[in-house]
Amino acid sequence: QADPYVVQVASLTDPKNIQALTKELENTFGVVTLQSAVTRGGLSVKRVRVGSYTTRQDAEQAAEQIAKLLKDRGVEPFITRQR
């Protein structure tokens, strides 16, 4: 599939937080990718994304697992396309 689903976990600015979250997610979910982005306010962030899922259902299951894992941190993962 040319445009697989990914679960975006967070958009962060602090390199230490990015590294810690990436390591934690890699231990459970495998591949974690970082995508650079700039917010409307001009802030540079890294989007922390998990996986490459061929079906939305698989991505939804991963998003639920991530939400449970990080429930105490106010993280609300969502599904998007890898572009």
Protein backbone atom coordinates (compact mmCIF):
# COMPACT_ATOMS: atom_id res chain seq x y z
CA GLN A 1 0.00 0.00 0.00
CA ALA A 2 1.42 3.34 -1.04
CA ASP A 3 0.00 5.34 1.87
CA PRO A 4 -0.15 3.16 5.01
CA TYR A 5 -1.76 4.18 8.28
CA VAL A 6 0.33 5.37 11.22
CA VAL A 7 -0.58 6.32 14.76
CA GLN A 8 0.55 9.79 15.77
CA VAL A 9 1.23 9.77 19.48
CA ALA A 10 2.48 13.29 20.15
CA SER A 11 4.09 16.44 18.77
CA LEU A 12 6.99 17.45 20.98
CA THR A 13 9.73 20.08 21.08
CA ASP A 14 12.03 18.86 23.86
CA PRO A 15 14.70 16.44 22.55
CA LYS A 16 14.84 14.56 25.88
CA ASN A 17 11.08 13.98 25.87
CA ILE A 18 11.19 12.90 22.23
CA GLN A 19 13.97 10.40 22.93
CA ALA A 20 12.31 8.99 26.06
CA LEU A 21 8.94 8.54 24.37
CA THR A 22 10.54 7.02 21.28
CA LYS A 23 12.45 4.45 23.35
CA GLU A 24 9.37 3.53 25.36
CA LEU A 25 7.24 3.06 22.25
CA GLU A 26 9.93 1.11 20.38
CA ASN A 27 10.06 -1.43 23.22
CA THR A 28 6.38 -2.24 22.73
CA PHE A 29 5.48 -1.33 19.16
CA GLY A 30 8.68 -1.56 17.11
CA VAL A 31 9.17 1.08 14.47
CA VAL A 32 8.79 4.69 15.63
CA THR A 33 9.27 7.51 13.15
CA LEU A 34 9.81 11.21 13.75
CA GLN A 35 8.44 13.77 11.32
CA SER A 36 9.56 17.38 11.51
CA ALA A 37 6.81 19.97 11.35
CA VAL A 38 6.21 23.63 12.07
CA THR A 39 3.07 24.73 13.90
CA ARG A 40 0.93 27.65 12.78
CA GLY A 41 2.64 29.68 15.49
CA GLY A 42 6.06 28.93 13.99
CA LEU A 43 7.17 26.38 16.61
CA SER A 44 9.33 23.49 15.33
CA VAL A 45 8.09 20.12 16.58
CA LYS A 46 8.71 16.44 16.01
CA ARG A 47 5.67 14.30 15.38
CA VAL A 48 6.17 10.96 17.12
CA ARG A 49 4.50 8.24 15.04
CA VAL A 50 4.19 4.50 15.49
CA GLY A 51 3.95 1.79 12.91
CA SER A 52 2.99 1.31 9.36
CA TYR A 53 -0.36 -0.44 9.24
CA THR A 54 -2.04 -1.65 6.06
CA THR A 55 -5.53 -1.55 7.55
CA ARG A 56 -7.25 1.08 9.62
CA GLN A 57 -8.41 -1.63 12.02
CA ASP A 58 -4.81 -2.59 12.83
CA ALA A 59 -3.95 1.07 13.38
CA GLU A 60 -6.98 1.50 15.66
CA GLN A 61 -5.89 -1.46 17.78
CA ALA A 62 -2.40 0.00 18.13
CA ALA A 63 -3.85 3.42 19.02
CA GLU A 64 -5.94 1.82 21.78
CA GLN A 65 -2.88 0.03 23.18
CA ILE A 66 -0.84 3.25 23.11
CA ALA A 67 -3.65 5.17 24.84
CA LYS A 68 -3.70 2.53 27.62
CA LEU A 69 0.08 2.56 27.95
CA LEU A 70 0.27 6.34 28.22
CA LYS A 71 -3.10 7.00 29.89
CA ASP A 72 -1.64 8.97 32.79
CA ARG A 73 0.16 11.44 30.51
CA GLY A 74 -2.73 13.06 28.67
CA VAL A 75 -1.72 11.51 25.35
CA GLU A 76 -4.47 11.10 22.77
CA PRO A 77 -3.06 9.15 19.83
CA PHE A 78 -4.79 9.44 16.48
CA ILE A 79 -4.60 7.69 13.15
CA THR A 80 -3.27 9.40 10.05
CA ARG A 81 -1.69 8.48 6.76
CA GLN A 82 2.05 8.23 6.29
CA ARG A 83 2.98 10.94 3.81
